[in-house]
Amino acid sequence: MSDARPEDQPETVVKVNDRRRVREESVPEAEAQPVESTEPVKASTELEAARRRIDELARGLQHSESEREAFKLRMTRERDQLLELEKGKVALVLLEAIDDLELCLSTPDQSALWKGVKLIRDGLIKKAEEFGLERVELKGLPYDPNLSEASDMELSPLEADDGRVVAVLKAAWKLKGRVLRPGRVKVAKYVQPAQA
């Protein structure tokens, strides 16, 4: 049995994977560094690049959202301004009708027709006020070129009347605090009386 020679036996191959780190004796311990793989560095670089890209996209999304909100606000403002402009146009037509009725009422005669016209005019003024129009009383106040046009002048011997509105020829109207139509007025001018 022991006659068999080692050459006659089949050869078995044993593969050994030694995972221990081998340190050469000539290298001091402080200089001996384990071999690092470049794979973790590459992964962390890619991760950081992905984070930067996500931050960039998030900022872009926030910017586009804020632009969309600003656009909506701008469109709302423009629509409101357009509506106010159209209301102003309609209101001017209504004011012209009121002016015509007031011209009819300039000479009071207390007839049934005069009273009927007055009722219609008062109803239109009430509707105009419900619409947001506001009549500006100018008589007796100092002349303000922002509210009215001076179309006539009246001489006055009283110094206190100088620059004051003495008659309103056409009423001034405001729509939401903005002058829609300036009035037409007669303004007093002080003239010192002649000394005799």
C-alpha atoms as a PDB file:
ATOM      1  CA  MET A   1       0.000   0.000   0.000  1.00  0.00           C
ATOM      2  CA  SER A   2       2.723   2.294   0.689  1.00  0.00           C
ATOM      3  CA  ASP A   3       4.233   1.102  -2.497  1.00  0.00           C
ATOM      4  CA  ALA A   4       2.419   3.788  -4.336  1.00  0.00           C
ATOM      5  CA  ARG A   5       4.689   6.425  -5.328  1.00  0.00           C
ATOM      6  CA  PRO A   6       3.748  10.096  -4.997  1.00  0.00           C
ATOM      7  CA  GLU A   7       4.096  10.462  -8.712  1.00  0.00           C
ATOM      8  CA  ASP A   8       1.280   8.003  -9.257  1.00  0.00           C
ATOM      9  CA  GLN A   9      -1.254   9.898  -7.161  1.00  0.00           C
ATOM     10  CA  PRO A  10      -3.413  12.474  -8.840  1.00  0.00           C
ATOM     11  CA  GLU A  11      -2.313  16.005  -8.234  1.00  0.00           C
ATOM     12  CA  THR A  12      -4.783  18.208  -6.291  1.00  0.00           C
ATOM     13  CA  VAL A  13      -4.612  21.926  -6.672  1.00  0.00           C
ATOM     14  CA  VAL A  14      -5.361  24.013  -3.591  1.00  0.00           C
ATOM     15  CA  LYS A  15      -6.068  27.684  -4.080  1.00  0.00           C
ATOM     16  CA  VAL A  16      -5.403  29.936  -1.076  1.00  0.00           C
ATOM     17  CA  ASN A  17      -6.650  33.477  -0.825  1.00  0.00           C
ATOM     18  CA  ASP A  18      -4.651  35.201   1.838  1.00  0.00           C
ATOM     19  CA  ARG A  19      -6.277  38.483   2.745  1.00  0.00           C
ATOM     20  CA  ARG A  20      -3.762  39.528   5.330  1.00  0.00           C
ATOM     21  CA  ARG A  21      -1.777  42.611   4.562  1.00  0.00           C
ATOM     22  CA  VAL A  22       1.838  41.951   4.141  1.00  0.00           C
ATOM     23  CA  ARG A  23       4.206  44.580   5.350  1.00  0.00           C
ATOM     24  CA  GLU A  24       7.723  44.564   4.248  1.00  0.00           C
ATOM     25  CA  GLU A  25      10.212  44.576   7.056  1.00  0.00           C
ATOM     26  CA  SER A  26      12.219  47.352   5.526  1.00  0.00           C
ATOM     27  CA  VAL A  27       9.343  49.907   5.579  1.00  0.00           C
ATOM     28  CA  PRO A  28       8.840  51.644   8.947  1.00  0.00           C
ATOM     29  CA  GLU A  29       5.353  51.332  10.467  1.00  0.00           C
ATOM     30  CA  ALA A  30       4.605  55.085  10.142  1.00  0.00           C
ATOM     31  CA  GLU A  31       5.141  54.953   6.391  1.00  0.00           C
ATOM     32  CA  ALA A  32       3.204  51.787   5.855  1.00  0.00           C
ATOM     33  CA  GLN A  33      -0.173  52.868   4.497  1.00  0.00           C
ATOM     34  CA  PRO A  34      -2.930  50.534   3.500  1.00  0.00           C
ATOM     35  CA  VAL A  35      -3.652  50.705  -0.200  1.00  0.00           C
ATOM     36  CA  GLU A  36      -6.795  52.800  -0.684  1.00  0.00           C
ATOM     37  CA  SER A  37      -9.208  52.215  -3.444  1.00  0.00           C
ATOM     38  CA  THR A  38     -10.239  55.144  -5.714  1.00  0.00           C
ATOM     39  CA  GLU A  39     -13.780  53.802  -5.807  1.00  0.00           C
ATOM     40  CA  PRO A  40     -15.063  55.602  -2.616  1.00  0.00           C
ATOM     41  CA  VAL A  41     -13.523  58.932  -3.747  1.00  0.00           C
ATOM     42  CA  LYS A  42     -15.217  58.639  -7.121  1.00  0.00           C
ATOM     43  CA  ALA A  43     -18.574  57.822  -5.485  1.00  0.00           C
ATOM     44  CA  SER A  44     -18.365  60.773  -3.077  1.00  0.00           C
ATOM     45  CA  THR A  45     -17.478  63.119  -5.953  1.00  0.00           C
ATOM     46  CA  GLU A  46     -20.473  61.890  -7.948  1.00  0.00           C
ATOM     47  CA  LEU A  47     -22.688  62.253  -4.867  1.00  0.00           C
ATOM     48  CA  GLU A  48     -21.548  65.841  -4.325  1.00  0.00           C
ATOM     49  CA  ALA A  49     -22.133  66.642  -8.007  1.00  0.00           C
ATOM     50  CA  ALA A  50     -25.641  65.148  -7.761  1.00  0.00           C
ATOM     51  CA  ARG A  51     -26.367  67.240  -4.651  1.00  0.00           C
ATOM     52  CA  ARG A  52     -25.205  70.413  -6.410  1.00  0.00           C
ATOM     53  CA  ARG A  53     -27.423  69.593  -9.385  1.00  0.00           C
ATOM     54  CA  ILE A  54     -30.425  68.980  -7.089  1.00  0.00           C
ATOM     55  CA  ASP A  55     -29.803  72.323  -5.341  1.00  0.00           C
ATOM     56  CA  GLU A  56     -29.534  74.048  -8.711  1.00  0.00           C
ATOM     57  CA  LEU A  57     -32.794  72.499  -9.921  1.00  0.00           C
ATOM     58  CA  ALA A  58     -34.554  73.380  -6.656  1.00  0.00           C
ATOM     59  CA  ARG A  59     -33.448  77.013  -6.966  1.00  0.00           C
ATOM     60  CA  GLY A  60     -34.651  77.051 -10.574  1.00  0.00           C
ATOM     61  CA  LEU A  61     -38.020  75.656  -9.519  1.00  0.00           C
ATOM     62  CA  GLN A  62     -38.365  78.253  -6.755  1.00  0.00           C
ATOM     63  CA  HIS A  63     -37.441  81.004  -9.206  1.00  0.00           C
ATOM     64  CA  SER A  64     -39.999  79.834 -11.759  1.00  0.00           C
ATOM     65  CA  GLU A  65     -42.662  79.590  -9.029  1.00  0.00           C
ATOM     66  CA  SER A  66     -41.943  83.150  -7.886  1.00  0.00           C
ATOM     67  CA  GLU A  67     -42.048  84.355 -11.503  1.00  0.00           C
ATOM     68  CA  ARG A  68     -45.405  82.618 -11.977  1.00  0.00           C
ATOM     69  CA  GLU A  69     -46.810  84.267  -8.846  1.00  0.00           C
ATOM     70  CA  ALA A  70     -45.493  87.668  -9.963  1.00  0.00           C
ATOM     71  CA  PHE A  71     -47.070  87.119 -13.386  1.00  0.00           C
ATOM     72  CA  LYS A  72     -50.422  86.260 -11.799  1.00  0.00           C
ATOM     73  CA  LEU A  73     -50.282  89.399  -9.638  1.00  0.00           C
ATOM     74  CA  ARG A  74     -49.339  91.543 -12.632  1.00  0.00           C
ATOM     75  CA  MET A  75     -52.194  90.091 -14.701  1.00  0.00           C
ATOM     76  CA  THR A  76     -54.645  90.702 -11.843  1.00  0.00           C
ATOM     77  CA  ARG A  77     -53.456  94.308 -11.486  1.00  0.00           C
ATOM     78  CA  GLU A  78     -53.707  94.918 -15.232  1.00  0.00           C
ATOM     79  CA  ARG A  79     -57.183  93.373 -15.355  1.00  0.00           C
ATOM     80  CA  ASP A  80     -58.320  95.549 -12.439  1.00  0.00           C
ATOM     81  CA  GLN A  81     -56.870  98.654 -14.102  1.00  0.00           C
ATOM     82  CA  LEU A  82     -58.654  97.782 -17.343  1.00  0.00           C
ATOM     83  CA  LEU A  83     -61.929  97.294 -15.476  1.00  0.00           C
ATOM     84  CA  GLU A  84     -61.487 100.645 -13.714  1.00  0.00           C
ATOM     85  CA  LEU A  85     -60.821 102.298 -17.067  1.00  0.00           C
ATOM     86  CA  GLU A  86     -63.981 100.803 -18.537  1.00  0.00           C
ATOM     87  CA  LYS A  87     -65.982 101.802 -15.451  1.00  0.00           C
ATOM     88  CA  GLY A  88     -64.646 105.320 -15.909  1.00  0.00           C
ATOM     89  CA  LYS A  89     -65.821 105.394 -19.534  1.00  0.00           C
ATOM     90  CA  VAL A  90     -69.297 104.234 -18.561  1.00  0.00           C
ATOM     91  CA  ALA A  91     -69.367 106.701 -15.681  1.00  0.00           C
ATOM     92  CA  LEU A  92     -68.477 109.609 -17.990  1.00  0.00           C
ATOM     93  CA  VAL A  93     -71.480 108.795 -20.172  1.00  0.00           C
ATOM     94  CA  LEU A  94     -73.681 108.705 -17.066  1.00  0.00           C
ATOM     95  CA  LEU A  95     -72.245 112.049 -15.904  1.00  0.00           C
ATOM     96  CA  GLU A  96     -73.023 113.653 -19.262  1.00  0.00           C
ATOM     97  CA  ALA A  97     -76.667 112.604 -18.854  1.00  0.00           C
ATOM     98  CA  ILE A  98     -76.709 114.039 -15.326  1.00  0.00           C
ATOM     99  CA  ASP A  99     -75.205 117.312 -16.624  1.00  0.00           C
ATOM    100  CA  ASP A 100     -77.897 117.569 -19.295  1.00  0.00           C
ATOM    101  CA  LEU A 101     -80.612 117.045 -16.678  1.00  0.00           C
ATOM    102  CA  GLU A 102     -79.036 119.673 -14.408  1.00  0.00           C
ATOM    103  CA  LEU A 103     -79.040 122.115 -17.320  1.00  0.00           C
ATOM    104  CA  CYS A 104     -82.784 121.505 -17.665  1.00  0.00           C
ATOM    105  CA  LEU A 105     -83.186 122.218 -13.952  1.00  0.00           C
ATOM    106  CA  SER A 106     -81.163 125.465 -14.028  1.00  0.00           C
ATOM    107  CA  THR A 107     -84.321 127.579 -14.158  1.00  0.00           C
ATOM    108  CA  PRO A 108     -86.671 126.332 -11.430  1.00  0.00           C
ATOM    109  CA  ASP A 109     -90.353 126.710 -12.283  1.00  0.00           C
ATOM    110  CA  GLN A 110     -91.807 123.976 -10.005  1.00  0.00           C
ATOM    111  CA  SER A 111     -93.903 122.542 -12.863  1.00  0.00           C
ATOM    112  CA  ALA A 112     -94.702 118.835 -13.013  1.00  0.00           C
ATOM    113  CA  LEU A 113     -92.160 118.395 -15.809  1.00  0.00           C
ATOM    114  CA  TRP A 114     -89.437 120.155 -13.799  1.00  0.00           C
ATOM    115  CA  LYS A 115     -90.208 117.947 -10.778  1.00  0.00           C
ATOM    116  CA  GLY A 116     -90.102 114.820 -12.954  1.00  0.00           C
ATOM    117  CA  VAL A 117     -86.727 115.778 -14.429  1.00  0.00           C
ATOM    118  CA  LYS A 118     -85.438 116.470 -10.905  1.00  0.00           C
ATOM    119  CA  LEU A 119     -86.573 113.006  -9.764  1.00  0.00           C
ATOM    120  CA  ILE A 120     -84.791 111.389 -12.711  1.00  0.00           C
ATOM    121  CA  ARG A 121     -81.616 113.413 -12.072  1.00  0.00           C
ATOM    122  CA  ASP A 122     -81.649 112.533  -8.356  1.00  0.00           C
ATOM    123  CA  GLY A 123     -82.133 108.842  -9.215  1.00  0.00           C
ATOM    124  CA  LEU A 124     -79.174 108.918 -11.624  1.00  0.00           C
ATOM    125  CA  ILE A 125     -76.975 110.638  -9.019  1.00  0.00           C
ATOM    126  CA  LYS A 126     -77.926 107.951  -6.496  1.00  0.00           C
ATOM    127  CA  LYS A 127     -77.039 105.207  -9.028  1.00  0.00           C
ATOM    128  CA  ALA A 128     -73.729 106.954  -9.792  1.00  0.00           C
ATOM    129  CA  GLU A 129     -72.871 107.033  -6.082  1.00  0.00           C
ATOM    130  CA  GLU A 130     -73.702 103.311  -5.796  1.00  0.00           C
ATOM    131  CA  PHE A 131     -71.363 102.760  -8.739  1.00  0.00           C
ATOM    132  CA  GLY A 132     -68.552 104.363  -6.708  1.00  0.00           C
ATOM    133  CA  LEU A 133     -68.699 107.898  -8.061  1.00  0.00           C
ATOM    134  CA  GLU A 134     -68.355 110.758  -5.633  1.00  0.00           C
ATOM    135  CA  ARG A 135     -69.441 114.320  -6.350  1.00  0.00           C
ATOM    136  CA  VAL A 136     -66.914 116.910  -5.176  1.00  0.00           C
ATOM    137  CA  GLU A 137     -68.368 120.103  -3.722  1.00  0.00           C
ATOM    138  CA  LEU A 138     -66.238 123.037  -4.842  1.00  0.00           C
ATOM    139  CA  LYS A 139     -68.316 126.162  -4.166  1.00  0.00           C
ATOM    140  CA  GLY A 140     -66.783 128.358  -1.471  1.00  0.00           C
ATOM    141  CA  LEU A 141     -63.491 126.418  -1.403  1.00  0.00           C
ATOM    142  CA  PRO A 142     -60.123 127.749  -2.611  1.00  0.00           C
ATOM    143  CA  TYR A 143     -59.538 127.018  -6.278  1.00  0.00           C
ATOM    144  CA  ASP A 144     -57.641 123.726  -6.780  1.00  0.00           C
ATOM    145  CA  PRO A 145     -56.429 123.099 -10.353  1.00  0.00           C
ATOM    146  CA  ASN A 146     -56.286 119.355  -9.591  1.00  0.00           C
ATOM    147  CA  LEU A 147     -60.054 119.252  -9.090  1.00  0.00           C
ATOM    148  CA  SER A 148     -61.387 121.847 -11.504  1.00  0.00           C
ATOM    149  CA  GLU A 149     -60.805 124.110 -14.468  1.00  0.00           C
ATOM    150  CA  ALA A 150     -61.307 127.838 -14.067  1.00  0.00           C
ATOM    151  CA  SER A 151     -63.423 128.821 -17.035  1.00  0.00           C
ATOM    152  CA  ASP A 152     -64.491 132.260 -15.799  1.00  0.00           C
ATOM    153  CA  MET A 153     -63.414 134.915 -13.320  1.00  0.00           C
ATOM    154  CA  GLU A 154     -65.512 137.234 -11.207  1.00  0.00           C
ATOM    155  CA  LEU A 155     -64.145 140.426  -9.634  1.00  0.00           C
ATOM    156  CA  SER A 156     -64.726 140.734  -5.913  1.00  0.00           C
ATOM    157  CA  PRO A 157     -64.236 143.685  -3.558  1.00  0.00           C
ATOM    158  CA  LEU A 158     -63.689 141.254  -0.618  1.00  0.00           C
ATOM    159  CA  GLU A 159     -60.104 140.185  -0.024  1.00  0.00           C
ATOM    160  CA  ALA A 160     -61.284 136.935   1.664  1.00  0.00           C
ATOM    161  CA  ASP A 161     -62.921 135.795  -1.612  1.00  0.00           C
ATOM    162  CA  ASP A 162     -59.684 136.030  -3.615  1.00  0.00           C
ATOM    163  CA  GLY A 163     -58.996 132.661  -5.316  1.00  0.00           C
ATOM    164  CA  ARG A 164     -62.214 131.042  -4.084  1.00  0.00           C
ATOM    165  CA  VAL A 165     -64.777 129.247  -6.226  1.00  0.00           C
ATOM    166  CA  VAL A 166     -67.923 131.391  -6.441  1.00  0.00           C
ATOM    167  CA  ALA A 167     -69.927 129.268  -8.914  1.00  0.00           C
ATOM    168  CA  VAL A 168     -69.824 125.702 -10.235  1.00  0.00           C
ATOM    169  CA  LEU A 169     -70.657 125.447 -13.924  1.00  0.00           C
ATOM    170  CA  LYS A 170     -70.013 121.694 -14.145  1.00  0.00           C
ATOM    171  CA  ALA A 171     -69.564 119.415 -11.132  1.00  0.00           C
ATOM    172  CA  ALA A 172     -66.306 117.564 -10.417  1.00  0.00           C
ATOM    173  CA  TRP A 173     -66.503 113.812  -9.869  1.00  0.00           C
ATOM    174  CA  LYS A 174     -64.128 111.261  -8.353  1.00  0.00           C
ATOM    175  CA  LEU A 175     -64.026 107.506  -8.796  1.00  0.00           C
ATOM    176  CA  LYS A 176     -62.349 105.679  -5.882  1.00  0.00           C
ATOM    177  CA  GLY A 177     -60.400 108.751  -4.808  1.00  0.00           C
ATOM    178  CA  ARG A 178     -59.159 109.536  -8.327  1.00  0.00           C
ATOM    179  CA  VAL A 179     -60.484 112.558 -10.219  1.00  0.00           C
ATOM    180  CA  LEU A 180     -62.601 111.133 -13.009  1.00  0.00           C
ATOM    181  CA  ARG A 181     -63.775 114.432 -14.374  1.00  0.00           C
ATOM    182  CA  PRO A 182     -62.596 117.861 -13.236  1.00  0.00           C
ATOM    183  CA  GLY A 183     -65.235 120.478 -12.601  1.00  0.00           C
ATOM    184  CA  ARG A 184     -65.692 123.747 -14.437  1.00  0.00           C
ATOM    185  CA  VAL A 185     -65.842 126.721 -12.075  1.00  0.00           C
ATOM    186  CA  LYS A 186     -65.931 130.497 -11.773  1.00  0.00           C
ATOM    187  CA  VAL A 187     -63.190 131.899  -9.520  1.00  0.00           C
ATOM    188  CA  ALA A 188     -63.248 135.213  -7.609  1.00  0.00           C
ATOM    189  CA  LYS A 189     -60.431 137.716  -8.082  1.00  0.00           C
ATOM    190  CA  TYR A 190     -59.948 140.404  -5.451  1.00  0.00           C
ATOM    191  CA  VAL A 191     -59.747 143.948  -6.777  1.00  0.00           C
ATOM    192  CA  GLN A 192     -59.207 146.794  -4.384  1.00  0.00           C
ATOM    193  CA  PRO A 193     -62.113 149.224  -4.538  1.00  0.00           C
ATOM    194  CA  ALA A 194     -61.366 152.629  -5.986  1.00  0.00           C
ATOM    195  CA  GLN A 195     -60.811 155.351  -3.390  1.00  0.00           C
ATOM    196  CA  ALA A 196     -63.028 158.353  -3.948  1.00  0.00           C
END
